Amino acid sequence: MSCFGDGRVFVFGKVKGYPFEVKLPVGLPVEGVILADQIKNLDWLSQSAQLVYKVPEIIMQEVLLKVETLLKD
C-alpha cells in the first residue's frame, strides 16, 4: 500500500483480518483492504498504477489513526 498526502492508497483484494487492515465499505467501485502498516514511497508511473476511486475521508482517517499508532513512542 502507498499512502500519500493527497490520500492515494493501494488497495489489496484479500482480506485476512490483520489488525492494520482498513476494510473498504461495500458499494465502492473497488473492494478490499488498505494495509495501514505497509506505507511505502513508490513511483506511480513505474508501478502502472491508476487512480480508480477517491477513498472516502472517513476511511482515510481510520488509516491515518492506525499509522499514528505505529509512529508513537
PDB file of N, CA and C in Angstrom:
ATOM      1  N   MET A   1       0.837  -1.173   0.000  1.00  0.00           N
ATOM      2  CA  MET A   1       0.000   0.000   0.000  1.00  0.00           C
ATOM      3  C   MET A   1       0.869   1.218   0.000  1.00  0.00           C
ATOM      4  N   SER A   2       0.463   2.221  -0.661  1.00  0.00           N
ATOM      5  CA  SER A   2       1.110   3.512  -0.540  1.00  0.00           C
ATOM      6  C   SER A   2       0.085   4.520  -0.100  1.00  0.00           C
ATOM      7  N   CYS A   3       0.485   5.379   0.778  1.00  0.00           N
ATOM      8  CA  CYS A   3      -0.393   6.434   1.275  1.00  0.00           C
ATOM      9  C   CYS A   3       0.361   7.740   1.149  1.00  0.00           C
ATOM     10  N   PHE A   4      -0.174   8.675   0.423  1.00  0.00           N
ATOM     11  CA  PHE A   4       0.484   9.943   0.188  1.00  0.00           C
ATOM     12  C   PHE A   4      -0.361  11.058   0.773  1.00  0.00           C
ATOM     13  N   GLY A   5       0.197  12.245   0.853  1.00  0.00           N
ATOM     14  CA  GLY A   5      -0.505  13.382   1.423  1.00  0.00           C
ATOM     15  C   GLY A   5      -1.830  13.681   0.745  1.00  0.00           C
ATOM     16  N   ASP A   6      -1.967  13.290  -0.503  1.00  0.00           N
ATOM     17  CA  ASP A   6      -3.223  13.558  -1.202  1.00  0.00           C
ATOM     18  C   ASP A   6      -4.208  12.406  -1.066  1.00  0.00           C
ATOM     19  N   GLY A   7      -3.883  11.412  -0.269  1.00  0.00           N
ATOM     20  CA  GLY A   7      -4.836  10.346   0.025  1.00  0.00           C
ATOM     21  C   GLY A   7      -4.842   9.176  -0.926  1.00  0.00           C
ATOM     22  N   ARG A   8      -3.821   9.024  -1.770  1.00  0.00           N
ATOM     23  CA  ARG A   8      -3.778   7.864  -2.662  1.00  0.00           C
ATOM     24  C   ARG A   8      -3.285   6.647  -1.898  1.00  0.00           C
ATOM     25  N   VAL A   9      -3.934   5.536  -2.090  1.00  0.00           N
ATOM     26  CA  VAL A   9      -3.544   4.296  -1.413  1.00  0.00           C
ATOM     27  C   VAL A   9      -3.669   3.128  -2.381  1.00  0.00           C
ATOM     28  N   PHE A  10      -2.885   2.101  -2.139  1.00  0.00           N
ATOM     29  CA  PHE A  10      -3.067   0.842  -2.847  1.00  0.00           C
ATOM     30  C   PHE A  10      -4.072   0.018  -2.062  1.00  0.00           C
ATOM     31  N   VAL A  11      -4.969  -0.641  -2.776  1.00  0.00           N
ATOM     32  CA  VAL A  11      -5.982  -1.489  -2.149  1.00  0.00           C
ATOM     33  C   VAL A  11      -5.658  -2.937  -2.496  1.00  0.00           C
ATOM     34  N   PHE A  12      -5.698  -3.796  -1.482  1.00  0.00           N
ATOM     35  CA  PHE A  12      -5.441  -5.211  -1.667  1.00  0.00           C
ATOM     36  C   PHE A  12      -6.760  -5.967  -1.581  1.00  0.00           C
ATOM     37  N   GLY A  13      -6.961  -6.928  -2.464  1.00  0.00           N
ATOM     38  CA  GLY A  13      -8.228  -7.633  -2.541  1.00  0.00           C
ATOM     39  C   GLY A  13      -8.442  -8.717  -1.498  1.00  0.00           C
ATOM     40  N   LYS A  14      -7.376  -9.232  -0.923  1.00  0.00           N
ATOM     41  CA  LYS A  14      -7.509 -10.351   0.012  1.00  0.00           C
ATOM     42  C   LYS A  14      -7.613  -9.838   1.446  1.00  0.00           C
ATOM     43  N   VAL A  15      -8.750 -10.102   2.089  1.00  0.00           N
ATOM     44  CA  VAL A  15      -8.983  -9.702   3.478  1.00  0.00           C
ATOM     45  C   VAL A  15      -8.541 -10.853   4.378  1.00  0.00           C
ATOM     46  N   LYS A  16      -7.633 -10.554   5.317  1.00  0.00           N
ATOM     47  CA  LYS A  16      -7.116 -11.599   6.208  1.00  0.00           C
ATOM     48  C   LYS A  16      -7.473 -11.352   7.671  1.00  0.00           C
ATOM     49  N   GLY A  17      -8.067 -10.210   7.985  1.00  0.00           N
ATOM     50  CA  GLY A  17      -8.395  -9.906   9.369  1.00  0.00           C
ATOM     51  C   GLY A  17      -7.214  -9.375  10.164  1.00  0.00           C
ATOM     52  N   TYR A  18      -6.198  -8.912   9.472  1.00  0.00           N
ATOM     53  CA  TYR A  18      -4.992  -8.368  10.075  1.00  0.00           C
ATOM     54  C   TYR A  18      -5.322  -7.067  10.811  1.00  0.00           C
ATOM     55  N   PRO A  19      -4.708  -6.802  11.995  1.00  0.00           N
ATOM     56  CA  PRO A  19      -5.075  -5.628  12.803  1.00  0.00           C
ATOM     57  C   PRO A  19      -4.916  -4.278  12.102  1.00  0.00           C
ATOM     58  N   PHE A  20      -4.018  -4.194  11.126  1.00  0.00           N
ATOM     59  CA  PHE A  20      -3.808  -2.907  10.466  1.00  0.00           C
ATOM     60  C   PHE A  20      -4.527  -2.805   9.123  1.00  0.00           C
ATOM     61  N   GLU A  21      -5.415  -3.738   8.848  1.00  0.00           N
ATOM     62  CA  GLU A  21      -6.266  -3.626   7.661  1.00  0.00           C
ATOM     63  C   GLU A  21      -7.366  -2.599   7.920  1.00  0.00           C
ATOM     64  N   VAL A  22      -7.656  -1.836   6.898  1.00  0.00           N
ATOM     65  CA  VAL A  22      -8.822  -0.952   6.928  1.00  0.00           C
ATOM     66  C   VAL A  22      -9.678  -1.379   5.743  1.00  0.00           C
ATOM     67  N   LYS A  23     -10.805  -1.986   6.056  1.00  0.00           N
ATOM     68  CA  LYS A  23     -11.679  -2.522   5.008  1.00  0.00           C
ATOM     69  C   LYS A  23     -12.467  -1.399   4.351  1.00  0.00           C
ATOM     70  N   LEU A  24     -12.536  -1.468   3.032  1.00  0.00           N
ATOM     71  CA  LEU A  24     -13.344  -0.505   2.295  1.00  0.00           C
ATOM     72  C   LEU A  24     -14.814  -0.886   2.424  1.00  0.00           C
ATOM     73  N   PRO A  25     -15.701   0.110   2.527  1.00  0.00           N
ATOM     74  CA  PRO A  25     -17.124  -0.201   2.653  1.00  0.00           C
ATOM     75  C   PRO A  25     -17.688  -0.804   1.367  1.00  0.00           C
ATOM     76  N   VAL A  26     -18.734  -1.575   1.522  1.00  0.00           N
ATOM     77  CA  VAL A  26     -19.435  -2.177   0.388  1.00  0.00           C
ATOM     78  C   VAL A  26     -20.034  -1.068  -0.470  1.00  0.00           C
ATOM     79  N   GLY A  27     -20.027  -1.283  -1.770  1.00  0.00           N
ATOM     80  CA  GLY A  27     -20.657  -0.341  -2.677  1.00  0.00           C
ATOM     81  C   GLY A  27     -19.686   0.582  -3.395  1.00  0.00           C
ATOM     82  N   LEU A  28     -18.405   0.522  -3.055  1.00  0.00           N
ATOM     83  CA  LEU A  28     -17.410   1.332  -3.760  1.00  0.00           C
ATOM     84  C   LEU A  28     -17.013   0.626  -5.051  1.00  0.00           C
ATOM     85  N   PRO A  29     -16.428   1.344  -5.998  1.00  0.00           N
ATOM     86  CA  PRO A  29     -16.009   0.713  -7.253  1.00  0.00           C
ATOM     87  C   PRO A  29     -14.904  -0.329  -7.076  1.00  0.00           C
ATOM     88  N   VAL A  30     -14.222  -0.309  -5.942  1.00  0.00           N
ATOM     89  CA  VAL A  30     -13.179  -1.296  -5.648  1.00  0.00           C
ATOM     90  C   VAL A  30     -13.503  -1.983  -4.330  1.00  0.00           C
ATOM     91  N   GLU A  31     -13.033  -3.222  -4.175  1.00  0.00           N
ATOM     92  CA  GLU A  31     -13.246  -3.976  -2.943  1.00  0.00           C
ATOM     93  C   GLU A  31     -11.893  -4.357  -2.367  1.00  0.00           C
ATOM     94  N   GLY A  32     -11.835  -4.511  -1.059  1.00  0.00           N
ATOM     95  CA  GLY A  32     -10.611  -4.972  -0.435  1.00  0.00           C
ATOM     96  C   GLY A  32     -10.259  -4.173   0.796  1.00  0.00           C
ATOM     97  N   VAL A  33      -8.962  -4.172   1.111  1.00  0.00           N
ATOM     98  CA  VAL A  33      -8.474  -3.503   2.309  1.00  0.00           C
ATOM     99  C   VAL A  33      -7.258  -2.649   1.984  1.00  0.00           C
ATOM    100  N   ILE A  34      -7.045  -1.661   2.825  1.00  0.00           N
ATOM    101  CA  ILE A  34      -5.825  -0.866   2.810  1.00  0.00           C
ATOM    102  C   ILE A  34      -4.990  -1.373   3.976  1.00  0.00           C
ATOM    103  N   LEU A  35      -3.718  -1.654   3.748  1.00  0.00           N
ATOM    104  CA  LEU A  35      -2.830  -2.097   4.820  1.00  0.00           C
ATOM    105  C   LEU A  35      -2.097  -0.880   5.371  1.00  0.00           C
ATOM    106  N   ALA A  36      -2.556  -0.399   6.513  1.00  0.00           N
ATOM    107  CA  ALA A  36      -2.043   0.851   7.076  1.00  0.00           C
ATOM    108  C   ALA A  36      -0.590   0.751   7.514  1.00  0.00           C
ATOM    109  N   ASP A  37      -0.086  -0.450   7.736  1.00  0.00           N
ATOM    110  CA  ASP A  37       1.305  -0.585   8.173  1.00  0.00           C
ATOM    111  C   ASP A  37       2.258  -0.868   7.016  1.00  0.00           C
ATOM    112  N   GLN A  38       1.781  -0.767   5.798  1.00  0.00           N
ATOM    113  CA  GLN A  38       2.612  -1.024   4.621  1.00  0.00           C
ATOM    114  C   GLN A  38       2.820   0.240   3.803  1.00  0.00           C
ATOM    115  N   ILE A  39       3.148   1.321   4.466  1.00  0.00           N
ATOM    116  CA  ILE A  39       3.354   2.589   3.773  1.00  0.00           C
ATOM    117  C   ILE A  39       4.696   2.556   3.061  1.00  0.00           C
ATOM    118  N   LYS A  40       4.673   2.904   1.810  1.00  0.00           N
ATOM    119  CA  LYS A  40       5.891   2.934   1.006  1.00  0.00           C
ATOM    120  C   LYS A  40       5.817   4.114   0.054  1.00  0.00           C
ATOM    121  N   ASN A  41       6.962   4.578  -0.332  1.00  0.00           N
ATOM    122  CA  ASN A  41       7.025   5.628  -1.336  1.00  0.00           C
ATOM    123  C   ASN A  41       7.345   4.958  -2.663  1.00  0.00           C
ATOM    124  N   LEU A  42       6.383   4.919  -3.546  1.00  0.00           N
ATOM    125  CA  LEU A  42       6.554   4.253  -4.830  1.00  0.00           C
ATOM    126  C   LEU A  42       6.391   5.240  -5.972  1.00  0.00           C
ATOM    127  N   ASP A  43       7.036   4.940  -7.058  1.00  0.00           N
ATOM    128  CA  ASP A  43       6.859   5.711  -8.279  1.00  0.00           C
ATOM    129  C   ASP A  43       5.607   5.171  -8.975  1.00  0.00           C
ATOM    130  N   TRP A  44       4.554   5.958  -8.957  1.00  0.00           N
ATOM    131  CA  TRP A  44       3.272   5.509  -9.504  1.00  0.00           C
ATOM    132  C   TRP A  44       3.357   5.153 -10.982  1.00  0.00           C
ATOM    133  N   LEU A  45       4.185   5.868 -11.735  1.00  0.00           N
ATOM    134  CA  LEU A  45       4.296   5.570 -13.162  1.00  0.00           C
ATOM    135  C   LEU A  45       4.963   4.219 -13.394  1.00  0.00           C
ATOM    136  N   SER A  46       6.034   3.928 -12.654  1.00  0.00           N
ATOM    137  CA  SER A  46       6.720   2.649 -12.852  1.00  0.00           C
ATOM    138  C   SER A  46       5.865   1.476 -12.380  1.00  0.00           C
ATOM    139  N   GLN A  47       4.921   1.716 -11.486  1.00  0.00           N
ATOM    140  CA  GLN A  47       4.025   0.669 -10.998  1.00  0.00           C
ATOM    141  C   GLN A  47       2.790   0.506 -11.884  1.00  0.00           C
ATOM    142  N   SER A  48       2.662   1.348 -12.905  1.00  0.00           N
ATOM    143  CA  SER A  48       1.486   1.360 -13.785  1.00  0.00           C
ATOM    144  C   SER A  48       0.198   1.490 -12.977  1.00  0.00           C
ATOM    145  N   ALA A  49       0.264   2.254 -11.891  1.00  0.00           N
ATOM    146  CA  ALA A  49      -0.909   2.452 -11.034  1.00  0.00           C
ATOM    147  C   ALA A  49      -1.884   3.417 -11.699  1.00  0.00           C
ATOM    148  N   GLN A  50      -3.148   3.199 -11.440  1.00  0.00           N
ATOM    149  CA  GLN A  50      -4.198   4.062 -11.967  1.00  0.00           C
ATOM    150  C   GLN A  50      -5.082   4.527 -10.823  1.00  0.00           C
ATOM    151  N   LEU A  51      -5.527   5.767 -10.911  1.00  0.00           N
ATOM    152  CA  LEU A  51      -6.490   6.264  -9.935  1.00  0.00           C
ATOM    153  C   LEU A  51      -7.850   5.690 -10.314  1.00  0.00           C
ATOM    154  N   VAL A  52      -8.418   4.899  -9.427  1.00  0.00           N
ATOM    155  CA  VAL A  52      -9.697   4.248  -9.687  1.00  0.00           C
ATOM    156  C   VAL A  52     -10.817   4.961  -8.958  1.00  0.00           C
ATOM    157  N   TYR A  53     -10.549   5.379  -7.728  1.00  0.00           N
ATOM    158  CA  TYR A  53     -11.598   5.956  -6.902  1.00  0.00           C
ATOM    159  C   TYR A  53     -10.952   6.745  -5.780  1.00  0.00           C
ATOM    160  N   LYS A  54     -11.563   7.837  -5.395  1.00  0.00           N
ATOM    161  CA  LYS A  54     -11.083   8.604  -4.253  1.00  0.00           C
ATOM    162  C   LYS A  54     -11.637   7.963  -2.981  1.00  0.00           C
ATOM    163  N   VAL A  55     -10.719   7.585  -2.085  1.00  0.00           N
ATOM    164  CA  VAL A  55     -11.105   6.933  -0.831  1.00  0.00           C
ATOM    165  C   VAL A  55     -11.900   7.919   0.024  1.00  0.00           C
ATOM    166  N   PRO A  56     -13.038   7.491   0.584  1.00  0.00           N
ATOM    167  CA  PRO A  56     -13.818   8.384   1.443  1.00  0.00           C
ATOM    168  C   PRO A  56     -12.974   8.896   2.622  1.00  0.00           C
ATOM    169  N   GLU A  57     -13.208  10.127   3.022  1.00  0.00           N
ATOM    170  CA  GLU A  57     -12.437  10.772   4.089  1.00  0.00           C
ATOM    171  C   GLU A  57     -12.444   9.953   5.377  1.00  0.00           C
ATOM    172  N   ILE A  58     -13.560   9.358   5.728  1.00  0.00           N
ATOM    173  CA  ILE A  58     -13.638   8.583   6.970  1.00  0.00           C
ATOM    174  C   ILE A  58     -12.712   7.367   6.931  1.00  0.00           C
ATOM    175  N   ILE A  59     -12.543   6.770   5.764  1.00  0.00           N
ATOM    176  CA  ILE A  59     -11.631   5.636   5.610  1.00  0.00           C
ATOM    177  C   ILE A  59     -10.193   6.119   5.746  1.00  0.00           C
ATOM    178  N   MET A  60      -9.881   7.251   5.113  1.00  0.00           N
ATOM    179  CA  MET A  60      -8.530   7.799   5.208  1.00  0.00           C
ATOM    180  C   MET A  60      -8.192   8.150   6.650  1.00  0.00           C
ATOM    181  N   GLN A  61      -9.159   8.653   7.393  1.00  0.00           N
ATOM    182  CA  GLN A  61      -8.931   8.978   8.805  1.00  0.00           C
ATOM    183  C   GLN A  61      -8.600   7.716   9.604  1.00  0.00           C
ATOM    184  N   GLU A  62      -9.294   6.621   9.311  1.00  0.00           N
ATOM    185  CA  GLU A  62      -9.020   5.359  10.008  1.00  0.00           C
ATOM    186  C   GLU A  62      -7.610   4.855   9.683  1.00  0.00           C
ATOM    187  N   VAL A  63      -7.212   4.967   8.416  1.00  0.00           N
ATOM    188  CA  VAL A  63      -5.855   4.573   8.019  1.00  0.00           C
ATOM    189  C   VAL A  63      -4.830   5.408   8.775  1.00  0.00           C
ATOM    190  N   LEU A  64      -5.030   6.716   8.805  1.00  0.00           N
ATOM    191  CA  LEU A  64      -4.065   7.603   9.459  1.00  0.00           C
ATOM    192  C   LEU A  64      -4.001   7.373  10.964  1.00  0.00           C
ATOM    193  N   LEU A  65      -5.111   7.023  11.597  1.00  0.00           N
ATOM    194  CA  LEU A  65      -5.092   6.693  13.026  1.00  0.00           C
ATOM    195  C   LEU A  65      -4.244   5.448  13.294  1.00  0.00           C
ATOM    196  N   LYS A  66      -4.352   4.468  12.411  1.00  0.00           N
ATOM    197  CA  LYS A  66      -3.550   3.255  12.568  1.00  0.00           C
ATOM    198  C   LYS A  66      -2.069   3.549  12.328  1.00  0.00           C
ATOM    199  N   VAL A  67      -1.775   4.399  11.353  1.00  0.00           N
ATOM    200  CA  VAL A  67      -0.390   4.803  11.103  1.00  0.00           C
ATOM    201  C   VAL A  67       0.160   5.545  12.315  1.00  0.00           C
ATOM    202  N   GLU A  68      -0.636   6.438  12.877  1.00  0.00           N
ATOM    203  CA  GLU A  68      -0.214   7.196  14.056  1.00  0.00           C
ATOM    204  C   GLU A  68       0.137   6.253  15.213  1.00  0.00           C
ATOM    205  N   THR A  69      -0.635   5.197  15.378  1.00  0.00           N
ATOM    206  CA  THR A  69      -0.355   4.200  16.413  1.00  0.00           C
ATOM    207  C   THR A  69       1.037   3.599  16.224  1.00  0.00           C
ATOM    208  N   LEU A  70       1.399   3.332  14.988  1.00  0.00           N
ATOM    209  CA  LEU A  70       2.711   2.750  14.696  1.00  0.00           C
ATOM    210  C   LEU A  70       3.855   3.717  14.975  1.00  0.00           C
ATOM    211  N   LEU A  71       3.595   5.011  14.818  1.00  0.00           N
ATOM    212  CA  LEU A  71       4.656   6.008  14.935  1.00  0.00           C
ATOM    213  C   LEU A  71       4.846   6.549  16.344  1.00  0.00           C
ATOM    214  N   LYS A  72       3.938   6.226  17.246  1.00  0.00           N
ATOM    215  CA  LYS A  72       4.059   6.706  18.625  1.00  0.00           C
ATOM    216  C   LYS A  72       5.219   6.017  19.323  1.00  0.00           C
ATOM    217  N   ASP A  73       5.839   6.747  20.243  1.00  0.00           N
ATOM    218  CA  ASP A  73       6.956   6.179  21.035  1.00  0.00           C
ATOM    219  C   ASP A  73       6.455   5.165  22.020  1.00  0.00           C
TER     220      ASP A  73
END
